[in-house]
Every structure is written in structure tokens, then in C-alpha cells.
PDB file of N, CA and C in Angstrom:
ATOM      1  N   MET A   1      -4.663   1.292  11.181  1.00  0.00           N
ATOM      2  CA  MET A   1      -4.010   2.180  10.250  1.00  0.00           C
ATOM      3  C   MET A   1      -4.963   3.327   9.924  1.00  0.00           C
ATOM      4  N   LYS A   2      -4.429   4.530   9.847  1.00  0.00           N
ATOM      5  CA  LYS A   2      -5.238   5.700   9.599  1.00  0.00           C
ATOM      6  C   LYS A   2      -5.785   5.706   8.170  1.00  0.00           C
ATOM      7  N   GLN A   3      -7.057   6.001   8.049  1.00  0.00           N
ATOM      8  CA  GLN A   3      -7.710   6.069   6.746  1.00  0.00           C
ATOM      9  C   GLN A   3      -7.401   7.412   6.097  1.00  0.00           C
ATOM     10  N   SER A   4      -6.951   7.386   4.867  1.00  0.00           N
ATOM     11  CA  SER A   4      -6.637   8.610   4.143  1.00  0.00           C
ATOM     12  C   SER A   4      -7.925   9.261   3.637  1.00  0.00           C
ATOM     13  N   ARG A   5      -7.916  10.579   3.593  1.00  0.00           N
ATOM     14  CA  ARG A   5      -9.075  11.283   3.051  1.00  0.00           C
ATOM     15  C   ARG A   5      -9.102  11.221   1.536  1.00  0.00           C
ATOM     16  N   PHE A   6      -7.990  10.858   0.948  1.00  0.00           N
ATOM     17  CA  PHE A   6      -7.864  10.828  -0.506  1.00  0.00           C
ATOM     18  C   PHE A   6      -7.676   9.394  -0.981  1.00  0.00           C
ATOM     19  N   THR A   7      -8.321   9.066  -2.092  1.00  0.00           N
ATOM     20  CA  THR A   7      -8.116   7.749  -2.692  1.00  0.00           C
ATOM     21  C   THR A   7      -6.805   7.772  -3.466  1.00  0.00           C
ATOM     22  N   GLU A   8      -6.334   6.586  -3.829  1.00  0.00           N
ATOM     23  CA  GLU A   8      -5.090   6.514  -4.587  1.00  0.00           C
ATOM     24  C   GLU A   8      -5.212   7.228  -5.927  1.00  0.00           C
ATOM     25  N   HIS A   9      -6.385   7.129  -6.539  1.00  0.00           N
ATOM     26  CA  HIS A   9      -6.593   7.783  -7.835  1.00  0.00           C
ATOM     27  C   HIS A   9      -6.554   9.309  -7.686  1.00  0.00           C
ATOM     28  N   GLN A  10      -7.108   9.822  -6.582  1.00  0.00           N
ATOM     29  CA  GLN A  10      -7.046  11.262  -6.345  1.00  0.00           C
ATOM     30  C   GLN A  10      -5.608  11.704  -6.108  1.00  0.00           C
ATOM     31  N   ILE A  11      -4.858  10.903  -5.373  1.00  0.00           N
ATOM     32  CA  ILE A  11      -3.460  11.230  -5.096  1.00  0.00           C
ATOM     33  C   ILE A  11      -2.659  11.276  -6.393  1.00  0.00           C
ATOM     34  N   ILE A  12      -2.872  10.296  -7.262  1.00  0.00           N
ATOM     35  CA  ILE A  12      -2.163  10.270  -8.538  1.00  0.00           C
ATOM     36  C   ILE A  12      -2.536  11.485  -9.381  1.00  0.00           C
ATOM     37  N   LYS A  13      -3.805  11.877  -9.346  1.00  0.00           N
ATOM     38  CA  LYS A  13      -4.245  13.060 -10.089  1.00  0.00           C
ATOM     39  C   LYS A  13      -3.547  14.319  -9.570  1.00  0.00           C
ATOM     40  N   ILE A  14      -3.425  14.428  -8.243  1.00  0.00           N
ATOM     41  CA  ILE A  14      -2.746  15.579  -7.649  1.00  0.00           C
ATOM     42  C   ILE A  14      -1.268  15.585  -8.040  1.00  0.00           C
ATOM     43  N   LEU A  15      -0.646  14.414  -8.030  1.00  0.00           N
ATOM     44  CA  LEU A  15       0.764  14.332  -8.420  1.00  0.00           C
ATOM     45  C   LEU A  15       0.958  14.701  -9.891  1.00  0.00           C
ATOM     46  N   LYS A  16       0.004  14.325 -10.737  1.00  0.00           N
ATOM     47  CA  LYS A  16       0.082  14.693 -12.157  1.00  0.00           C
ATOM     48  C   LYS A  16      -0.020  16.208 -12.314  1.00  0.00           C
ATOM     49  N   GLU A  17      -0.865  16.853 -11.489  1.00  0.00           N
ATOM     50  CA  GLU A  17      -0.976  18.307 -11.533  1.00  0.00           C
ATOM     51  C   GLU A  17       0.361  18.953 -11.166  1.00  0.00           C
ATOM     52  N   ALA A  18       1.032  18.387 -10.159  1.00  0.00           N
ATOM     53  CA  ALA A  18       2.332  18.927  -9.750  1.00  0.00           C
ATOM     54  C   ALA A  18       3.354  18.759 -10.857  1.00  0.00           C
ATOM     55  N   GLU A  19       3.313  17.629 -11.557  1.00  0.00           N
ATOM     56  CA  GLU A  19       4.233  17.404 -12.676  1.00  0.00           C
ATOM     57  C   GLU A  19       3.961  18.378 -13.814  1.00  0.00           C
ATOM     58  N   ALA A  20       2.694  18.812 -13.927  1.00  0.00           N
ATOM     59  CA  ALA A  20       2.326  19.744 -14.997  1.00  0.00           C
ATOM     60  C   ALA A  20       2.804  21.164 -14.706  1.00  0.00           C
ATOM     61  N   GLY A  21       3.270  21.400 -13.467  1.00  0.00           N
ATOM     62  CA  GLY A  21       3.829  22.715 -13.177  1.00  0.00           C
ATOM     63  C   GLY A  21       3.098  23.507 -12.119  1.00  0.00           C
ATOM     64  N   VAL A  22       2.046  22.979 -11.542  1.00  0.00           N
ATOM     65  CA  VAL A  22       1.324  23.690 -10.489  1.00  0.00           C
ATOM     66  C   VAL A  22       2.186  23.656  -9.227  1.00  0.00           C
ATOM     67  N   PRO A  23       2.414  24.804  -8.590  1.00  0.00           N
ATOM     68  CA  PRO A  23       3.239  24.824  -7.381  1.00  0.00           C
ATOM     69  C   PRO A  23       2.637  23.960  -6.261  1.00  0.00           C
ATOM     70  N   VAL A  24       3.512  23.341  -5.492  1.00  0.00           N
ATOM     71  CA  VAL A  24       3.082  22.439  -4.425  1.00  0.00           C
ATOM     72  C   VAL A  24       2.263  23.185  -3.385  1.00  0.00           C
ATOM     73  N   THR A  25       2.666  24.404  -3.052  1.00  0.00           N
ATOM     74  CA  THR A  25       1.926  25.160  -2.042  1.00  0.00           C
ATOM     75  C   THR A  25       0.495  25.431  -2.496  1.00  0.00           C
ATOM     76  N   ASP A  26       0.311  25.708  -3.788  1.00  0.00           N
ATOM     77  CA  ASP A  26      -1.042  25.933  -4.304  1.00  0.00           C
ATOM     78  C   ASP A  26      -1.874  24.654  -4.238  1.00  0.00           C
ATOM     79  N   LEU A  27      -1.252  23.520  -4.572  1.00  0.00           N
ATOM     80  CA  LEU A  27      -1.965  22.244  -4.499  1.00  0.00           C
ATOM     81  C   LEU A  27      -2.365  21.934  -3.059  1.00  0.00           C
ATOM     82  N   CYS A  28      -1.443  22.174  -2.134  1.00  0.00           N
ATOM     83  CA  CYS A  28      -1.726  21.918  -0.722  1.00  0.00           C
ATOM     84  C   CYS A  28      -2.904  22.761  -0.235  1.00  0.00           C
ATOM     85  N   ARG A  29      -2.893  24.015  -0.581  1.00  0.00           N
ATOM     86  CA  ARG A  29      -3.962  24.914  -0.165  1.00  0.00           C
ATOM     87  C   ARG A  29      -5.280  24.533  -0.832  1.00  0.00           C
ATOM     88  N   GLN A  30      -5.240  24.216  -2.105  1.00  0.00           N
ATOM     89  CA  GLN A  30      -6.444  23.912  -2.870  1.00  0.00           C
ATOM     90  C   GLN A  30      -7.119  22.629  -2.392  1.00  0.00           C
ATOM     91  N   HIS A  31      -6.327  21.595  -2.119  1.00  0.00           N
ATOM     92  CA  HIS A  31      -6.897  20.299  -1.766  1.00  0.00           C
ATOM     93  C   HIS A  31      -6.911  20.026  -0.258  1.00  0.00           C
ATOM     94  N   GLY A  32      -6.210  20.829   0.512  1.00  0.00           N
ATOM     95  CA  GLY A  32      -6.254  20.713   1.960  1.00  0.00           C
ATOM     96  C   GLY A  32      -5.386  19.612   2.546  1.00  0.00           C
ATOM     97  N   PHE A  33      -4.128  19.552   2.176  1.00  0.00           N
ATOM     98  CA  PHE A  33      -3.188  18.604   2.762  1.00  0.00           C
ATOM     99  C   PHE A  33      -1.860  19.322   2.992  1.00  0.00           C
ATOM    100  N   SER A  34      -0.963  18.685   3.725  1.00  0.00           N
ATOM    101  CA  SER A  34       0.311  19.319   4.072  1.00  0.00           C
ATOM    102  C   SER A  34       1.372  19.029   3.017  1.00  0.00           C
ATOM    103  N   ARG A  35       2.433  19.837   3.059  1.00  0.00           N
ATOM    104  CA  ARG A  35       3.548  19.622   2.129  1.00  0.00           C
ATOM    105  C   ARG A  35       4.217  18.290   2.397  1.00  0.00           C
ATOM    106  N   SER A  36       4.349  17.942   3.682  1.00  0.00           N
ATOM    107  CA  SER A  36       4.992  16.663   4.003  1.00  0.00           C
ATOM    108  C   SER A  36       4.157  15.504   3.466  1.00  0.00           C
ATOM    109  N   GLY A  37       2.844  15.637   3.525  1.00  0.00           N
ATOM    110  CA  GLY A  37       1.971  14.611   2.951  1.00  0.00           C
ATOM    111  C   GLY A  37       2.176  14.476   1.458  1.00  0.00           C
ATOM    112  N   PHE A  38       2.333  15.600   0.792  1.00  0.00           N
ATOM    113  CA  PHE A  38       2.567  15.571  -0.651  1.00  0.00           C
ATOM    114  C   PHE A  38       3.840  14.800  -0.982  1.00  0.00           C
ATOM    115  N   TYR A  39       4.915  15.077  -0.234  1.00  0.00           N
ATOM    116  CA  TYR A  39       6.189  14.425  -0.538  1.00  0.00           C
ATOM    117  C   TYR A  39       6.173  12.948  -0.160  1.00  0.00           C
ATOM    118  N   LYS A  40       5.384  12.572   0.834  1.00  0.00           N
ATOM    119  CA  LYS A  40       5.213  11.151   1.150  1.00  0.00           C
ATOM    120  C   LYS A  40       4.477  10.457   0.001  1.00  0.00           C
ATOM    121  N   TRP A  41       3.439  11.114  -0.507  1.00  0.00           N
ATOM    122  CA  TRP A  41       2.706  10.557  -1.652  1.00  0.00           C
ATOM    123  C   TRP A  41       3.618  10.437  -2.861  1.00  0.00           C
ATOM    124  N   LYS A  42       4.441  11.458  -3.070  1.00  0.00           N
ATOM    125  CA  LYS A  42       5.330  11.456  -4.226  1.00  0.00           C
ATOM    126  C   LYS A  42       6.323  10.298  -4.133  1.00  0.00           C
ATOM    127  N   ALA A  43       6.804  10.027  -2.921  1.00  0.00           N
ATOM    128  CA  ALA A  43       7.738   8.913  -2.741  1.00  0.00           C
ATOM    129  C   ALA A  43       7.048   7.576  -2.996  1.00  0.00           C
ATOM    130  N   LYS A  44       5.791   7.466  -2.594  1.00  0.00           N
ATOM    131  CA  LYS A  44       5.084   6.190  -2.725  1.00  0.00           C
ATOM    132  C   LYS A  44       4.478   6.004  -4.116  1.00  0.00           C
ATOM    133  N   TYR A  45       3.830   7.037  -4.640  1.00  0.00           N
ATOM    134  CA  TYR A  45       3.070   6.908  -5.879  1.00  0.00           C
ATOM    135  C   TYR A  45       3.693   7.627  -7.072  1.00  0.00           C
ATOM    136  N   GLY A  46       4.862   8.224  -6.906  1.00  0.00           N
ATOM    137  CA  GLY A  46       5.476   8.985  -7.991  1.00  0.00           C
ATOM    138  C   GLY A  46       5.722   8.124  -9.222  1.00  0.00           C
ATOM    139  N   GLY A  47       5.322   8.597 -10.377  1.00  0.00           N
ATOM    140  CA  GLY A  47       5.530   7.887 -11.624  1.00  0.00           C
ATOM    141  C   GLY A  47       4.498   6.823 -11.927  1.00  0.00           C
ATOM    142  N   MET A  48       3.508   6.671 -11.081  1.00  0.00           N
ATOM    143  CA  MET A  48       2.480   5.650 -11.317  1.00  0.00           C
ATOM    144  C   MET A  48       1.340   6.216 -12.148  1.00  0.00           C
ATOM    145  N   ASP A  49       0.674   5.302 -12.838  1.00  0.00           N
ATOM    146  CA  ASP A  49      -0.575   5.642 -13.497  1.00  0.00           C
ATOM    147  C   ASP A  49      -1.631   4.666 -12.980  1.00  0.00           C
ATOM    148  N   ALA A  50      -2.834   4.724 -13.520  1.00  0.00           N
ATOM    149  CA  ALA A  50      -3.934   3.906 -13.007  1.00  0.00           C
ATOM    150  C   ALA A  50      -3.655   2.412 -13.146  1.00  0.00           C
ATOM    151  N   SER A  51      -3.049   2.004 -14.254  1.00  0.00           N
ATOM    152  CA  SER A  51      -2.811   0.573 -14.457  1.00  0.00           C
ATOM    153  C   SER A  51      -1.754   0.040 -13.490  1.00  0.00           C
ATOM    154  N   SER A  52      -0.702   0.826 -13.246  1.00  0.00           N
ATOM    155  CA  SER A  52       0.316   0.358 -12.306  1.00  0.00           C
ATOM    156  C   SER A  52      -0.209   0.370 -10.874  1.00  0.00           C
ATOM    157  N   LEU A  53      -1.117   1.292 -10.565  1.00  0.00           N
ATOM    158  CA  LEU A  53      -1.740   1.301  -9.246  1.00  0.00           C
ATOM    159  C   LEU A  53      -2.596   0.056  -9.054  1.00  0.00           C
ATOM    160  N   LYS A  54      -3.329  -0.319 -10.090  1.00  0.00           N
ATOM    161  CA  LYS A  54      -4.152  -1.527 -10.024  1.00  0.00           C
ATOM    162  C   LYS A  54      -3.266  -2.753  -9.816  1.00  0.00           C
ATOM    163  N   ARG A  55      -2.158  -2.815 -10.541  1.00  0.00           N
ATOM    164  CA  ARG A  55      -1.220  -3.936 -10.406  1.00  0.00           C
ATOM    165  C   ARG A  55      -0.622  -3.980  -8.999  1.00  0.00           C
ATOM    166  N   LEU A  56      -0.306  -2.824  -8.440  1.00  0.00           N
ATOM    167  CA  LEU A  56       0.223  -2.757  -7.079  1.00  0.00           C
ATOM    168  C   LEU A  56      -0.780  -3.320  -6.088  1.00  0.00           C
ATOM    169  N   LYS A  57      -2.037  -2.960  -6.226  1.00  0.00           N
ATOM    170  CA  LYS A  57      -3.078  -3.469  -5.325  1.00  0.00           C
ATOM    171  C   LYS A  57      -3.228  -4.978  -5.467  1.00  0.00           C
ATOM    172  N   GLU A  58      -3.163  -5.484  -6.704  1.00  0.00           N
ATOM    173  CA  GLU A  58      -3.249  -6.936  -6.923  1.00  0.00           C
ATOM    174  C   GLU A  58      -2.077  -7.659  -6.262  1.00  0.00           C
ATOM    175  N   LEU A  59      -0.879  -7.107  -6.396  1.00  0.00           N
ATOM    176  CA  LEU A  59       0.299  -7.724  -5.790  1.00  0.00           C
ATOM    177  C   LEU A  59       0.235  -7.686  -4.264  1.00  0.00           C
ATOM    178  N   GLU A  60      -0.271  -6.598  -3.712  1.00  0.00           N
ATOM    179  CA  GLU A  60      -0.418  -6.517  -2.259  1.00  0.00           C
ATOM    180  C   GLU A  60      -1.409  -7.553  -1.754  1.00  0.00           C
ATOM    181  N   GLU A  61      -2.505  -7.745  -2.483  1.00  0.00           N
ATOM    182  CA  GLU A  61      -3.504  -8.740  -2.099  1.00  0.00           C
ATOM    183  C   GLU A  61      -2.923 -10.152  -2.203  1.00  0.00           C
ATOM    184  N   GLU A  62      -2.198 -10.417  -3.270  1.00  0.00           N
ATOM    185  CA  GLU A  62      -1.582 -11.729  -3.432  1.00  0.00           C
ATOM    186  C   GLU A  62      -0.561 -11.985  -2.321  1.00  0.00           C
ATOM    187  N   ASN A  63       0.213 -10.970  -1.981  1.00  0.00           N
ATOM    188  CA  ASN A  63       1.191 -11.096  -0.905  1.00  0.00           C
ATOM    189  C   ASN A  63       0.496 -11.380   0.428  1.00  0.00           C
ATOM    190  N   ARG A  64      -0.614 -10.715   0.685  1.00  0.00           N
ATOM    191  CA  ARG A  64      -1.372 -10.949   1.915  1.00  0.00           C
ATOM    192  C   ARG A  64      -1.854 -12.390   1.983  1.00  0.00           C
ATOM    193  N   LYS A  65      -2.373 -12.905   0.868  1.00  0.00           N
ATOM    194  CA  LYS A  65      -2.854 -14.285   0.834  1.00  0.00           C
ATOM    195  C   LYS A  65      -1.720 -15.284   1.046  1.00  0.00           C
ATOM    196  N   LEU A  66      -0.567 -15.033   0.426  1.00  0.00           N
ATOM    197  CA  LEU A  66       0.572 -15.926   0.586  1.00  0.00           C
ATOM    198  C   LEU A  66       1.083 -15.926   2.022  1.00  0.00           C
ATOM    199  N   LYS A  67       1.108 -14.779   2.654  1.00  0.00           N
ATOM    200  CA  LYS A  67       1.527 -14.711   4.055  1.00  0.00           C
ATOM    201  C   LYS A  67       0.562 -15.483   4.944  1.00  0.00           C
ATOM    202  N   GLN A  68      -0.728 -15.387   4.653  1.00  0.00           N
ATOM    203  CA  GLN A  68      -1.728 -16.125   5.435  1.00  0.00           C
ATOM    204  C   GLN A  68      -1.561 -17.626   5.229  1.00  0.00           C
ATOM    205  N   MET A  69      -1.311 -18.043   3.985  1.00  0.00           N
ATOM    206  CA  MET A  69      -1.088 -19.469   3.714  1.00  0.00           C
ATOM    207  C   MET A  69       0.140 -19.967   4.467  1.00  0.00           C
ATOM    208  N   TYR A  70       1.210 -19.182   4.466  1.00  0.00           N
ATOM    209  CA  TYR A  70       2.425 -19.577   5.170  1.00  0.00           C
ATOM    210  C   TYR A  70       2.163 -19.703   6.670  1.00  0.00           C
ATOM    211  N   ALA A  71       1.436 -18.755   7.228  1.00  0.00           N
ATOM    212  CA  ALA A  71       1.143 -18.799   8.657  1.00  0.00           C
ATOM    213  C   ALA A  71       0.319 -20.041   9.000  1.00  0.00           C
ATOM    214  N   ASP A  72      -0.672 -20.366   8.169  1.00  0.00           N
ATOM    215  CA  ASP A  72      -1.495 -21.552   8.410  1.00  0.00           C
ATOM    216  C   ASP A  72      -0.657 -22.825   8.339  1.00  0.00           C
ATOM    217  N   LEU A  73       0.173 -22.942   7.308  1.00  0.00           N
ATOM    218  CA  LEU A  73       1.007 -24.137   7.161  1.00  0.00           C
ATOM    219  C   LEU A  73       2.028 -24.252   8.289  1.00  0.00           C
ATOM    220  N   SER A  74       2.574 -23.158   8.704  1.00  0.00           N
ATOM    221  CA  SER A  74       3.535 -23.165   9.804  1.00  0.00           C
ATOM    222  C   SER A  74       2.869 -23.630  11.098  1.00  0.00           C
ATOM    223  N   LEU A  75       1.654 -23.168  11.329  1.00  0.00           N
ATOM    224  CA  LEU A  75       0.906 -23.586  12.515  1.00  0.00           C
ATOM    225  C   LEU A  75       0.596 -25.082  12.461  1.00  0.00           C
ATOM    226  N   GLU A  76       0.165 -25.558  11.300  1.00  0.00           N
ATOM    227  CA  GLU A  76      -0.114 -26.989  11.145  1.00  0.00           C
ATOM    228  C   GLU A  76       1.142 -27.818  11.392  1.00  0.00           C
ATOM    229  N   LEU A  77       2.272 -27.381  10.868  1.00  0.00           N
ATOM    230  CA  LEU A  77       3.526 -28.090  11.051  1.00  0.00           C
ATOM    231  C   LEU A  77       3.902 -28.161  12.530  1.00  0.00           C
ATOM    232  N   THR A  78       3.729 -27.054  13.217  1.00  0.00           N
ATOM    233  CA  THR A  78       4.043 -27.028  14.646  1.00  0.00           C
ATOM    234  C   THR A  78       3.161 -27.994  15.414  1.00  0.00           C
ATOM    235  N   VAL A  79       1.880 -28.035  15.094  1.00  0.00           N
ATOM    236  CA  VAL A  79       0.954 -28.939  15.771  1.00  0.00           C
ATOM    237  C   VAL A  79       1.329 -30.384  15.476  1.00  0.00           C
ATOM    238  N   LEU A  80       1.639 -30.691  14.228  1.00  0.00           N
ATOM    239  CA  LEU A  80       2.013 -32.059  13.868  1.00  0.00           C
ATOM    240  C   LEU A  80       3.308 -32.483  14.559  1.00  0.00           C
ATOM    241  N   LYS A  81       4.273 -31.593  14.662  1.00  0.00           N
ATOM    242  CA  LYS A  81       5.513 -31.911  15.362  1.00  0.00           C
ATOM    243  C   LYS A  81       5.237 -32.194  16.835  1.00  0.00           C
ATOM    244  N   ASP A  82       4.351 -31.420  17.441  1.00  0.00           N
ATOM    245  CA  ASP A  82       4.001 -31.642  18.851  1.00  0.00           C
ATOM    246  C   ASP A  82       3.339 -33.007  19.035  1.00  0.00           C
ATOM    247  N   ILE A  83       2.478 -33.385  18.104  1.00  0.00           N
ATOM    248  CA  ILE A  83       1.794 -34.678  18.190  1.00  0.00           C
ATOM    249  C   ILE A  83       2.801 -35.817  18.069  1.00  0.00           C
ATOM    250  N   ILE A  84       3.720 -35.705  17.116  1.00  0.00           N
ATOM    251  CA  ILE A  84       4.728 -36.741  16.922  1.00  0.00           C
ATOM    252  C   ILE A  84       5.631 -36.859  18.157  1.00  0.00           C
ATOM    253  N   GLU A  85       6.045 -35.762  18.732  1.00  0.00           N
ATOM    254  CA  GLU A  85       6.901 -35.788  19.921  1.00  0.00           C
ATOM    255  C   GLU A  85       6.192 -36.437  21.115  1.00  0.00           C
ATOM    256  N   LYS A  86       4.897 -36.231  21.245  1.00  0.00           N
ATOM    257  CA  LYS A  86       4.144 -36.812  22.350  1.00  0.00           C
ATOM    258  C   LYS A  86       3.994 -38.317  22.182  1.00  0.00           C
ATOM    259  N   LYS A  87       3.902 -38.776  20.940  1.00  0.00           N
ATOM    260  CA  LYS A  87       3.772 -40.226  20.688  1.00  0.00           C
ATOM    261  C   LYS A  87       5.074 -40.949  20.967  1.00  0.00           C
ATOM    262  N   LEU A  88       6.191 -40.307  20.757  1.00  0.00           N
ATOM    263  CA  LEU A  88       7.484 -40.958  20.966  1.00  0.00           C
ATOM    264  C   LEU A  88       7.919 -40.793  22.350  1.00  0.00           C
TER     265      LEU A  88
END
């Protein structure tokens, strides 16, 4: 996955500037990103503040861990089923 040049906190700060009335073209020129990038950020991070961003990161991490646990248990189940089938 491509690494962004901007952190989530910087993106939220830029979005807050746009909400304050700074034109998007000026923000793009000032910070060096495209208009399409701005609107992608707005779709993903629009309306967020620092606390909700932190919560989003925590939920993403928890989701990653749960998916890993499911994959491990599924693999164990498959192995156990194979062992039982071979014994019978």
C-alpha cells in the first residue's frame, strides 16, 4: 500500500482549514496535493476530530487481530478435521 506524505492529523487539519473557508485550490497549491486527493480525504476523514481518529485506529487494530484469530482457528479446525478423517 502506498505511504501517504501526510499523516492523518495533518489531513484533518487541512480539512478543518477548508471548512473554515479557505478555497480548495489554495490548499492544494499550498500543501502540494491534488484536488482529487482532497476529495478522497474528505470522504474518508470528513467530520472527524483527533479523538474519533484515534478510535478509528483502535477499531482497525482490533479488527485486524480478530481476523487473524479467525484465520488461525479456521486453520486449526481444518487440520483437526483432516486428522479425524484419516483415522476413520
